[in-house]
Amino acid sequence: MNFSTNEMTRQVAEAARDFANQHIRPQFMEWDESQEFPVHIFKELGKLGM
């Protein structure tokens, strides 16, 4: 089995990390305390193809 990462996998991981740092991380504690996760985040991820 080959477990090395190709360029496409690296780009997807980078895009996911950037998205999380910009859109999820700043609000994470607030969402955790209120026990909710806004639907618009899923919609934005969908626009990115994730």
PDB file of N, CA and C in Angstrom:
ATOM      1  N   MET A   1       0.834  -1.187   0.000  1.00  0.00           N
ATOM      2  CA  MET A   1       0.000   0.000   0.000  1.00  0.00           C
ATOM      3  C   MET A   1       0.876   1.247   0.000  1.00  0.00           C
ATOM      4  N   ASN A   2       0.388   2.228  -0.707  1.00  0.00           N
ATOM      5  CA  ASN A   2       1.103   3.493  -0.781  1.00  0.00           C
ATOM      6  C   ASN A   2       0.330   4.535   0.030  1.00  0.00           C
ATOM      7  N   PHE A   3       0.922   5.000   1.105  1.00  0.00           N
ATOM      8  CA  PHE A   3       0.257   5.975   1.962  1.00  0.00           C
ATOM      9  C   PHE A   3       0.832   7.378   1.797  1.00  0.00           C
ATOM     10  N   SER A   4       1.606   7.594   0.766  1.00  0.00           N
ATOM     11  CA  SER A   4       2.168   8.928   0.552  1.00  0.00           C
ATOM     12  C   SER A   4       1.076   9.861   0.027  1.00  0.00           C
ATOM     13  N   THR A   5       1.248  11.136   0.292  1.00  0.00           N
ATOM     14  CA  THR A   5       0.256  12.121  -0.138  1.00  0.00           C
ATOM     15  C   THR A   5       0.639  12.672  -1.501  1.00  0.00           C
ATOM     16  N   ASN A   6      -0.358  12.789  -2.349  1.00  0.00           N
ATOM     17  CA  ASN A   6      -0.096  13.411  -3.637  1.00  0.00           C
ATOM     18  C   ASN A   6      -0.442  14.897  -3.548  1.00  0.00           C
ATOM     19  N   GLU A   7      -0.190  15.612  -4.610  1.00  0.00           N
ATOM     20  CA  GLU A   7      -0.392  17.062  -4.616  1.00  0.00           C
ATOM     21  C   GLU A   7      -1.854  17.432  -4.376  1.00  0.00           C
ATOM     22  N   MET A   8      -2.770  16.697  -4.969  1.00  0.00           N
ATOM     23  CA  MET A   8      -4.194  17.004  -4.804  1.00  0.00           C
ATOM     24  C   MET A   8      -4.619  16.842  -3.344  1.00  0.00           C
ATOM     25  N   THR A   9      -4.187  15.773  -2.710  1.00  0.00           N
ATOM     26  CA  THR A   9      -4.514  15.540  -1.305  1.00  0.00           C
ATOM     27  C   THR A   9      -3.948  16.655  -0.438  1.00  0.00           C
ATOM     28  N   ARG A  10      -2.732  17.072  -0.744  1.00  0.00           N
ATOM     29  CA  ARG A  10      -2.100  18.152   0.011  1.00  0.00           C
ATOM     30  C   ARG A  10      -2.891  19.457  -0.142  1.00  0.00           C
ATOM     31  N   GLN A  11      -3.355  19.745  -1.344  1.00  0.00           N
ATOM     32  CA  GLN A  11      -4.117  20.968  -1.590  1.00  0.00           C
ATOM     33  C   GLN A  11      -5.464  20.955  -0.870  1.00  0.00           C
ATOM     34  N   VAL A  12      -6.134  19.811  -0.874  1.00  0.00           N
ATOM     35  CA  VAL A  12      -7.422  19.692  -0.180  1.00  0.00           C
ATOM     36  C   VAL A  12      -7.220  19.878   1.318  1.00  0.00           C
ATOM     37  N   ALA A  13      -6.194  19.251   1.868  1.00  0.00           N
ATOM     38  CA  ALA A  13      -5.910  19.386   3.300  1.00  0.00           C
ATOM     39  C   ALA A  13      -5.590  20.833   3.654  1.00  0.00           C
ATOM     40  N   GLU A  14      -4.838  21.501   2.809  1.00  0.00           N
ATOM     41  CA  GLU A  14      -4.493  22.902   3.049  1.00  0.00           C
ATOM     42  C   GLU A  14      -5.733  23.793   2.991  1.00  0.00           C
ATOM     43  N   ALA A  15      -6.603  23.549   2.020  1.00  0.00           N
ATOM     44  CA  ALA A  15      -7.836  24.335   1.898  1.00  0.00           C
ATOM     45  C   ALA A  15      -8.738  24.116   3.108  1.00  0.00           C
ATOM     46  N   ALA A  16      -8.846  22.876   3.567  1.00  0.00           N
ATOM     47  CA  ALA A  16      -9.666  22.573   4.747  1.00  0.00           C
ATOM     48  C   ALA A  16      -9.094  23.246   5.989  1.00  0.00           C
ATOM     49  N   ARG A  17      -7.790  23.199   6.136  1.00  0.00           N
ATOM     50  CA  ARG A  17      -7.135  23.830   7.288  1.00  0.00           C
ATOM     51  C   ARG A  17      -7.345  25.344   7.262  1.00  0.00           C
ATOM     52  N   ASP A  18      -7.168  25.955   6.089  1.00  0.00           N
ATOM     53  CA  ASP A  18      -7.361  27.400   5.967  1.00  0.00           C
ATOM     54  C   ASP A  18      -8.801  27.793   6.280  1.00  0.00           C
ATOM     55  N   PHE A  19      -9.753  27.021   5.757  1.00  0.00           N
ATOM     56  CA  PHE A  19     -11.165  27.299   6.016  1.00  0.00           C
ATOM     57  C   PHE A  19     -11.463  27.214   7.510  1.00  0.00           C
ATOM     58  N   ALA A  20     -10.986  26.157   8.140  1.00  0.00           N
ATOM     59  CA  ALA A  20     -11.229  25.969   9.576  1.00  0.00           C
ATOM     60  C   ALA A  20     -10.621  27.108  10.381  1.00  0.00           C
ATOM     61  N   ASN A  21      -9.421  27.520  10.022  1.00  0.00           N
ATOM     62  CA  ASN A  21      -8.766  28.609  10.751  1.00  0.00           C
ATOM     63  C   ASN A  21      -9.502  29.933  10.583  1.00  0.00           C
ATOM     64  N   GLN A  22     -10.081  30.157   9.407  1.00  0.00           N
ATOM     65  CA  GLN A  22     -10.784  31.413   9.142  1.00  0.00           C
ATOM     66  C   GLN A  22     -12.212  31.431   9.661  1.00  0.00           C
ATOM     67  N   HIS A  23     -12.930  30.317   9.491  1.00  0.00           N
ATOM     68  CA  HIS A  23     -14.374  30.336   9.717  1.00  0.00           C
ATOM     69  C   HIS A  23     -14.857  29.543  10.928  1.00  0.00           C
ATOM     70  N   ILE A  24     -14.100  28.581  11.372  1.00  0.00           N
ATOM     71  CA  ILE A  24     -14.554  27.732  12.477  1.00  0.00           C
ATOM     72  C   ILE A  24     -13.834  28.073  13.776  1.00  0.00           C
ATOM     73  N   ARG A  25     -12.536  28.146  13.719  1.00  0.00           N
ATOM     74  CA  ARG A  25     -11.746  28.358  14.940  1.00  0.00           C
ATOM     75  C   ARG A  25     -12.159  29.598  15.747  1.00  0.00           C
ATOM     76  N   PRO A  26     -12.385  30.752  15.096  1.00  0.00           N
ATOM     77  CA  PRO A  26     -12.735  31.947  15.877  1.00  0.00           C
ATOM     78  C   PRO A  26     -14.035  31.812  16.676  1.00  0.00           C
ATOM     79  N   GLN A  27     -14.954  30.958  16.234  1.00  0.00           N
ATOM     80  CA  GLN A  27     -16.263  30.844  16.870  1.00  0.00           C
ATOM     81  C   GLN A  27     -16.462  29.529  17.611  1.00  0.00           C
ATOM     82  N   PHE A  28     -15.469  28.659  17.550  1.00  0.00           N
ATOM     83  CA  PHE A  28     -15.633  27.301  18.054  1.00  0.00           C
ATOM     84  C   PHE A  28     -16.117  27.240  19.498  1.00  0.00           C
ATOM     85  N   MET A  29     -15.518  27.999  20.393  1.00  0.00           N
ATOM     86  CA  MET A  29     -15.891  27.935  21.814  1.00  0.00           C
ATOM     87  C   MET A  29     -17.341  28.379  22.023  1.00  0.00           C
ATOM     88  N   GLU A  30     -17.737  29.416  21.326  1.00  0.00           N
ATOM     89  CA  GLU A  30     -19.123  29.900  21.432  1.00  0.00           C
ATOM     90  C   GLU A  30     -20.106  28.822  20.969  1.00  0.00           C
ATOM     91  N   TRP A  31     -19.803  28.178  19.840  1.00  0.00           N
ATOM     92  CA  TRP A  31     -20.672  27.120  19.329  1.00  0.00           C
ATOM     93  C   TRP A  31     -20.672  25.917  20.260  1.00  0.00           C
ATOM     94  N   ASP A  32     -19.531  25.611  20.827  1.00  0.00           N
ATOM     95  CA  ASP A  32     -19.443  24.475  21.748  1.00  0.00           C
ATOM     96  C   ASP A  32     -20.295  24.729  22.991  1.00  0.00           C
ATOM     97  N   GLU A  33     -20.199  25.931  23.525  1.00  0.00           N
ATOM     98  CA  GLU A  33     -20.966  26.260  24.729  1.00  0.00           C
ATOM     99  C   GLU A  33     -22.467  26.269  24.459  1.00  0.00           C
ATOM    100  N   SER A  34     -22.866  26.717  23.277  1.00  0.00           N
ATOM    101  CA  SER A  34     -24.295  26.756  22.946  1.00  0.00           C
ATOM    102  C   SER A  34     -24.772  25.435  22.340  1.00  0.00           C
ATOM    103  N   GLN A  35     -23.856  24.521  22.124  1.00  0.00           N
ATOM    104  CA  GLN A  35     -24.138  23.197  21.554  1.00  0.00           C
ATOM    105  C   GLN A  35     -24.845  23.297  20.206  1.00  0.00           C
ATOM    106  N   GLU A  36     -24.349  24.201  19.373  1.00  0.00           N
ATOM    107  CA  GLU A  36     -24.883  24.316  18.026  1.00  0.00           C
ATOM    108  C   GLU A  36     -23.742  24.546  17.041  1.00  0.00           C
ATOM    109  N   PHE A  37     -23.985  24.165  15.814  1.00  0.00           N
ATOM    110  CA  PHE A  37     -23.018  24.374  14.743  1.00  0.00           C
ATOM    111  C   PHE A  37     -23.799  24.914  13.556  1.00  0.00           C
ATOM    112  N   PRO A  38     -23.554  26.148  13.165  1.00  0.00           N
ATOM    113  CA  PRO A  38     -24.347  26.806  12.132  1.00  0.00           C
ATOM    114  C   PRO A  38     -24.339  26.076  10.784  1.00  0.00           C
ATOM    115  N   VAL A  39     -25.505  25.991  10.196  1.00  0.00           N
ATOM    116  CA  VAL A  39     -25.678  25.325   8.907  1.00  0.00           C
ATOM    117  C   VAL A  39     -24.884  26.038   7.813  1.00  0.00           C
ATOM    118  N   HIS A  40     -24.737  27.343   7.924  1.00  0.00           N
ATOM    119  CA  HIS A  40     -24.041  28.072   6.856  1.00  0.00           C
ATOM    120  C   HIS A  40     -22.596  27.600   6.683  1.00  0.00           C
ATOM    121  N   ILE A  41     -21.994  27.059   7.729  1.00  0.00           N
ATOM    122  CA  ILE A  41     -20.631  26.531   7.613  1.00  0.00           C
ATOM    123  C   ILE A  41     -20.625  25.334   6.663  1.00  0.00           C
ATOM    124  N   PHE A  42     -21.607  24.448   6.792  1.00  0.00           N
ATOM    125  CA  PHE A  42     -21.697  23.297   5.894  1.00  0.00           C
ATOM    126  C   PHE A  42     -21.927  23.751   4.452  1.00  0.00           C
ATOM    127  N   LYS A  43     -22.734  24.788   4.276  1.00  0.00           N
ATOM    128  CA  LYS A  43     -22.992  25.303   2.931  1.00  0.00           C
ATOM    129  C   LYS A  43     -21.716  25.873   2.315  1.00  0.00           C
ATOM    130  N   GLU A  44     -20.943  26.584   3.113  1.00  0.00           N
ATOM    131  CA  GLU A  44     -19.678  27.138   2.621  1.00  0.00           C
ATOM    132  C   GLU A  44     -18.695  26.026   2.261  1.00  0.00           C
ATOM    133  N   LEU A  45     -18.649  24.987   3.078  1.00  0.00           N
ATOM    134  CA  LEU A  45     -17.783  23.840   2.769  1.00  0.00           C
ATOM    135  C   LEU A  45     -18.227  23.178   1.467  1.00  0.00           C
ATOM    136  N   GLY A  46     -19.527  23.099   1.258  1.00  0.00           N
ATOM    137  CA  GLY A  46     -20.053  22.531   0.021  1.00  0.00           C
ATOM    138  C   GLY A  46     -19.625  23.322  -1.204  1.00  0.00           C
ATOM    139  N   LYS A  47     -19.604  24.646  -1.078  1.00  0.00           N
ATOM    140  CA  LYS A  47     -19.154  25.491  -2.186  1.00  0.00           C
ATOM    141  C   LYS A  47     -17.697  25.206  -2.541  1.00  0.00           C
ATOM    142  N   LEU A  48     -16.930  24.782  -1.538  1.00  0.00           N
ATOM    143  CA  LEU A  48     -15.521  24.447  -1.768  1.00  0.00           C
ATOM    144  C   LEU A  48     -15.343  23.009  -2.241  1.00  0.00           C
ATOM    145  N   GLY A  49     -16.448  22.272  -2.315  1.00  0.00           N
ATOM    146  CA  GLY A  49     -16.380  20.886  -2.760  1.00  0.00           C
ATOM    147  C   GLY A  49     -15.964  19.912  -1.675  1.00  0.00           C
ATOM    148  N   MET A  50     -16.178  20.301  -0.436  1.00  0.00           N
ATOM    149  CA  MET A  50     -15.788  19.426   0.681  1.00  0.00           C
ATOM    150  C   MET A  50     -17.000  18.830   1.348  1.00  0.00           C
TER     151      MET A  50
END
